């Protein structure tokens, strides 16, 4: 019994450091990303994980169509929502 108690006392700080140092911040980051993706609207200017910048022109459940380019060089590209890294401007 004494050996088990000393083992728990030894490993408890490591488990707490793991939770508060790694797991909890990752969970907060995932929640913030999901909130950003859920709030995405047409007209938002976004950056993809590949570095492509564009304006959202169509939103489906898990896909987004963005418009890139200027003038005659405009084109549309379809992406998975989870390929968006950040929203630059909201509701332009």
N, C-alpha and C. Protein backbone atom coordinates (compact mmCIF):
# COMPACT_ATOMS: atom_id res chain seq x y z
N UNK A 1 0.82 -1.19 0.00
CA UNK A 1 0.00 0.00 0.00
C UNK A 1 0.87 1.26 0.00
N UNK A 2 1.92 1.22 0.79
CA UNK A 2 2.82 2.36 0.89
C UNK A 2 3.54 2.61 -0.44
N UNK A 3 3.85 1.54 -1.17
CA UNK A 3 4.53 1.65 -2.46
C UNK A 3 3.62 2.31 -3.49
N UNK A 4 2.36 1.95 -3.46
CA UNK A 4 1.40 2.53 -4.41
C UNK A 4 1.22 4.02 -4.12
N UNK A 5 1.12 4.37 -2.88
CA UNK A 5 0.96 5.78 -2.50
C UNK A 5 2.17 6.60 -2.92
N UNK A 6 3.35 6.08 -2.72
CA UNK A 6 4.56 6.83 -3.12
C UNK A 6 4.65 6.92 -4.64
N UNK A 7 4.18 5.91 -5.35
CA UNK A 7 4.16 5.94 -6.81
C UNK A 7 3.19 7.02 -7.31
N UNK A 8 2.03 7.12 -6.70
CA UNK A 8 1.04 8.13 -7.07
C UNK A 8 1.58 9.53 -6.78
N UNK A 9 2.19 9.70 -5.63
CA UNK A 9 2.75 11.00 -5.26
C UNK A 9 3.88 11.39 -6.21
N UNK A 10 4.63 10.43 -6.69
CA UNK A 10 5.73 10.70 -7.61
C UNK A 10 5.23 11.12 -8.99
N UNK A 11 4.22 10.42 -9.51
CA UNK A 11 3.77 10.68 -10.87
C UNK A 11 2.67 11.72 -10.99
N UNK A 12 2.01 12.08 -9.92
CA UNK A 12 0.94 13.07 -9.98
C UNK A 12 1.40 14.43 -10.52
N UNK A 13 2.53 14.96 -10.07
CA UNK A 13 2.98 16.24 -10.64
C UNK A 13 3.25 16.17 -12.15
N UNK A 14 3.80 15.06 -12.61
CA UNK A 14 4.06 14.91 -14.05
C UNK A 14 2.76 14.89 -14.84
N UNK A 15 1.77 14.22 -14.32
CA UNK A 15 0.47 14.16 -14.99
C UNK A 15 -0.17 15.54 -15.02
N UNK A 16 -0.08 16.28 -13.93
CA UNK A 16 -0.63 17.63 -13.89
C UNK A 16 0.10 18.56 -14.85
N UNK A 17 1.41 18.45 -14.93
CA UNK A 17 2.19 19.27 -15.87
C UNK A 17 1.79 18.92 -17.31
N UNK A 18 1.62 17.66 -17.59
CA UNK A 18 1.20 17.23 -18.92
C UNK A 18 -0.16 17.81 -19.26
N UNK A 19 -1.10 17.74 -18.33
CA UNK A 19 -2.44 18.23 -18.59
C UNK A 19 -2.46 19.75 -18.78
N UNK A 20 -1.91 20.49 -17.82
CA UNK A 20 -1.98 21.96 -17.88
C UNK A 20 -0.99 22.56 -18.88
N UNK A 21 0.06 21.85 -19.20
CA UNK A 21 1.05 22.38 -20.12
C UNK A 21 0.81 22.05 -21.58
N UNK A 22 0.16 20.92 -21.84
CA UNK A 22 0.00 20.47 -23.22
C UNK A 22 -1.46 20.24 -23.61
N UNK A 23 -2.15 19.39 -22.90
CA UNK A 23 -3.49 18.98 -23.31
C UNK A 23 -4.52 20.09 -23.22
N UNK A 24 -4.53 20.85 -22.16
CA UNK A 24 -5.52 21.91 -21.98
C UNK A 24 -5.36 23.03 -23.01
N UNK A 25 -4.13 23.52 -23.27
CA UNK A 25 -3.97 24.55 -24.31
C UNK A 25 -4.38 24.05 -25.70
N UNK A 26 -4.10 22.79 -26.01
CA UNK A 26 -4.51 22.24 -27.30
C UNK A 26 -6.02 22.22 -27.43
N UNK A 27 -6.71 21.87 -26.36
CA UNK A 27 -8.17 21.84 -26.38
C UNK A 27 -8.73 23.25 -26.60
N UNK A 28 -8.16 24.24 -25.93
CA UNK A 28 -8.60 25.63 -26.12
C UNK A 28 -8.35 26.09 -27.54
N UNK A 29 -7.22 25.72 -28.11
CA UNK A 29 -6.89 26.10 -29.48
C UNK A 29 -7.86 25.46 -30.47
N UNK A 30 -8.21 24.18 -30.27
CA UNK A 30 -9.17 23.51 -31.14
C UNK A 30 -10.54 24.18 -31.05
N UNK A 31 -10.95 24.55 -29.83
CA UNK A 31 -12.24 25.22 -29.65
C UNK A 31 -12.25 26.58 -30.34
N UNK A 32 -11.17 27.33 -30.24
CA UNK A 32 -11.08 28.64 -30.89
C UNK A 32 -11.14 28.50 -32.41
N UNK A 33 -10.45 27.49 -32.94
CA UNK A 33 -10.47 27.24 -34.38
C UNK A 33 -11.87 26.86 -34.85
N UNK A 34 -12.55 26.00 -34.09
CA UNK A 34 -13.90 25.59 -34.45
C UNK A 34 -14.87 26.77 -34.40
N UNK A 35 -14.71 27.65 -33.41
CA UNK A 35 -15.55 28.85 -33.31
C UNK A 35 -15.32 29.75 -34.52
N UNK A 36 -14.05 29.89 -34.94
CA UNK A 36 -13.74 30.71 -36.11
C UNK A 36 -14.38 30.12 -37.36
N UNK A 37 -14.29 28.80 -37.54
CA UNK A 37 -14.85 28.17 -38.72
C UNK A 37 -16.37 28.22 -38.71
N UNK A 38 -16.98 28.08 -37.54
CA UNK A 38 -18.44 28.15 -37.45
C UNK A 38 -18.96 29.55 -37.75
N UNK A 39 -18.15 30.58 -37.45
CA UNK A 39 -18.56 31.96 -37.68
C UNK A 39 -18.21 32.48 -39.07
N UNK A 40 -17.63 31.65 -39.91
CA UNK A 40 -17.23 32.05 -41.25
C UNK A 40 -18.45 32.43 -42.08
N UNK A 41 -18.36 33.56 -42.79
CA UNK A 41 -19.47 34.01 -43.62
C UNK A 41 -18.95 34.42 -44.99
N UNK A 42 -19.87 34.48 -45.95
CA UNK A 42 -19.49 34.93 -47.29
C UNK A 42 -18.97 36.35 -47.22
N UNK A 43 -17.91 36.63 -47.94
CA UNK A 43 -17.29 37.94 -47.94
C UNK A 43 -16.08 38.04 -47.03
N UNK A 44 -15.90 37.08 -46.14
CA UNK A 44 -14.73 37.09 -45.26
C UNK A 44 -13.47 36.82 -46.09
N UNK A 45 -12.40 37.51 -45.77
CA UNK A 45 -11.11 37.28 -46.42
C UNK A 45 -10.33 36.31 -45.54
N UNK A 46 -9.85 35.21 -46.14
CA UNK A 46 -9.22 34.14 -45.37
C UNK A 46 -7.83 33.79 -45.91
N UNK A 47 -7.07 33.07 -45.10
CA UNK A 47 -5.78 32.50 -45.51
C UNK A 47 -5.87 31.00 -45.26
N UNK A 48 -5.48 30.21 -46.27
CA UNK A 48 -5.49 28.76 -46.10
C UNK A 48 -4.18 28.30 -45.47
N UNK A 49 -4.12 27.04 -45.08
CA UNK A 49 -2.89 26.51 -44.49
C UNK A 49 -1.77 26.46 -45.52
N UNK A 50 -2.10 26.55 -46.81
CA UNK A 50 -1.09 26.58 -47.86
C UNK A 50 -0.65 27.99 -48.20
N UNK A 51 -1.26 29.00 -47.55
CA UNK A 51 -0.86 30.38 -47.78
C UNK A 51 -1.67 31.11 -48.84
N UNK A 52 -2.71 30.48 -49.38
CA UNK A 52 -3.54 31.11 -50.39
C UNK A 52 -4.50 32.08 -49.71
N UNK A 53 -4.56 33.30 -50.22
CA UNK A 53 -5.44 34.33 -49.67
C UNK A 53 -6.60 34.52 -50.65
N UNK A 54 -7.81 34.57 -50.11
CA UNK A 54 -8.97 34.77 -50.96
C UNK A 54 -10.18 35.20 -50.18
N UNK A 55 -11.25 35.49 -50.93
CA UNK A 55 -12.51 35.93 -50.33
C UNK A 55 -13.52 34.79 -50.46
N UNK A 56 -14.22 34.50 -49.38
CA UNK A 56 -15.20 33.42 -49.36
C UNK A 56 -16.40 33.83 -50.21
N UNK A 57 -16.74 32.98 -51.20
CA UNK A 57 -17.89 33.27 -52.04
C UNK A 57 -19.01 32.24 -51.89
N UNK A 58 -18.70 31.07 -51.30
CA UNK A 58 -19.71 30.04 -51.11
C UNK A 58 -19.30 29.16 -49.93
N UNK A 59 -20.26 28.83 -49.09
CA UNK A 59 -19.99 27.98 -47.93
C UNK A 59 -20.96 26.82 -47.94
N UNK A 60 -20.42 25.62 -47.86
CA UNK A 60 -21.22 24.42 -47.68
C UNK A 60 -20.91 23.90 -46.28
N UNK A 61 -21.43 22.74 -45.95
CA UNK A 61 -21.25 22.22 -44.59
C UNK A 61 -19.79 22.07 -44.21
N UNK A 62 -18.99 21.42 -45.06
CA UNK A 62 -17.57 21.23 -44.73
C UNK A 62 -16.65 21.70 -45.86
N UNK A 63 -17.19 22.45 -46.81
CA UNK A 63 -16.40 22.99 -47.92
C UNK A 63 -16.62 24.48 -48.06
N UNK A 64 -15.60 25.15 -48.57
CA UNK A 64 -15.66 26.60 -48.80
C UNK A 64 -15.09 26.86 -50.19
N UNK A 65 -15.75 27.75 -50.93
CA UNK A 65 -15.24 28.18 -52.23
C UNK A 65 -14.74 29.60 -52.04
N UNK A 66 -13.47 29.82 -52.44
CA UNK A 66 -12.91 31.17 -52.31
C UNK A 66 -12.56 31.70 -53.69
N UNK A 67 -12.55 33.02 -53.78
CA UNK A 67 -12.18 33.71 -55.01
C UNK A 67 -10.81 34.34 -54.80
N UNK A 68 -9.91 34.08 -55.74
CA UNK A 68 -8.57 34.63 -55.65
C UNK A 68 -8.27 35.41 -56.92
N UNK A 69 -7.24 36.22 -56.88
CA UNK A 69 -6.82 36.96 -58.06
C UNK A 69 -7.48 38.32 -58.15
N UNK A 70 -7.08 39.08 -59.20
CA UNK A 70 -7.58 40.43 -59.40
C UNK A 70 -7.98 40.59 -60.86
N UNK A 71 -9.08 41.30 -61.08
CA UNK A 71 -9.51 41.62 -62.44
C UNK A 71 -9.80 40.39 -63.27
N UNK A 72 -9.18 40.32 -64.45
CA UNK A 72 -9.43 39.21 -65.38
C UNK A 72 -8.80 37.91 -64.89
N UNK A 73 -7.91 37.99 -63.92
CA UNK A 73 -7.23 36.79 -63.42
C UNK A 73 -7.94 36.16 -62.23
N UNK A 74 -9.18 36.55 -61.97
CA UNK A 74 -9.92 35.96 -60.84
C UNK A 74 -10.22 34.50 -61.13
N UNK A 75 -10.15 33.71 -60.06
CA UNK A 75 -10.51 32.30 -60.17
C UNK A 75 -11.10 31.85 -58.84
N UNK A 76 -11.81 30.74 -58.87
CA UNK A 76 -12.38 30.19 -57.64
C UNK A 76 -11.73 28.85 -57.35
N UNK A 77 -11.58 28.58 -56.06
CA UNK A 77 -10.97 27.34 -55.60
C UNK A 77 -11.83 26.79 -54.47
N UNK A 78 -12.05 25.48 -54.48
CA UNK A 78 -12.82 24.83 -53.43
C UNK A 78 -11.87 24.19 -52.43
N UNK A 79 -12.13 24.42 -51.13
CA UNK A 79 -11.30 23.89 -50.05
C UNK A 79 -12.17 23.23 -48.99
N UNK A 80 -11.56 22.35 -48.22
CA UNK A 80 -12.17 21.85 -47.01
C UNK A 80 -12.13 22.97 -45.98
N UNK A 81 -13.13 23.09 -45.14
CA UNK A 81 -13.14 24.14 -44.13
C UNK A 81 -11.94 24.05 -43.20
N UNK A 82 -11.52 22.83 -42.88
CA UNK A 82 -10.41 22.69 -41.94
C UNK A 82 -9.06 23.08 -42.55
N UNK A 83 -9.03 23.47 -43.85
CA UNK A 83 -7.79 23.95 -44.48
C UNK A 83 -7.62 25.45 -44.30
N UNK A 84 -8.55 26.10 -43.62
CA UNK A 84 -8.46 27.54 -43.36
C UNK A 84 -7.65 27.75 -42.10
N UNK A 85 -6.62 28.58 -42.19
CA UNK A 85 -5.79 28.80 -41.00
C UNK A 85 -6.24 30.03 -40.22
N UNK A 86 -6.73 31.07 -40.92
CA UNK A 86 -7.20 32.24 -40.19
C UNK A 86 -8.08 33.11 -41.07
N UNK A 87 -8.85 33.95 -40.43
CA UNK A 87 -9.71 34.92 -41.10
C UNK A 87 -9.03 36.28 -40.97
N UNK A 88 -8.78 36.94 -42.11
CA UNK A 88 -8.10 38.23 -42.10
C UNK A 88 -9.06 39.38 -41.81
N UNK A 89 -10.13 39.43 -42.59
CA UNK A 89 -11.13 40.48 -42.38
C UNK A 89 -12.49 39.83 -42.34
N UNK A 90 -13.38 40.40 -41.58
CA UNK A 90 -14.70 39.82 -41.41
C UNK A 90 -15.74 40.68 -42.09
N UNK A 91 -16.57 40.05 -42.91
CA UNK A 91 -17.75 40.68 -43.54
C UNK A 91 -17.41 41.90 -44.37
N UNK A 92 -16.53 41.75 -45.34
CA UNK A 92 -16.21 42.87 -46.23
C UNK A 92 -17.34 43.10 -47.19
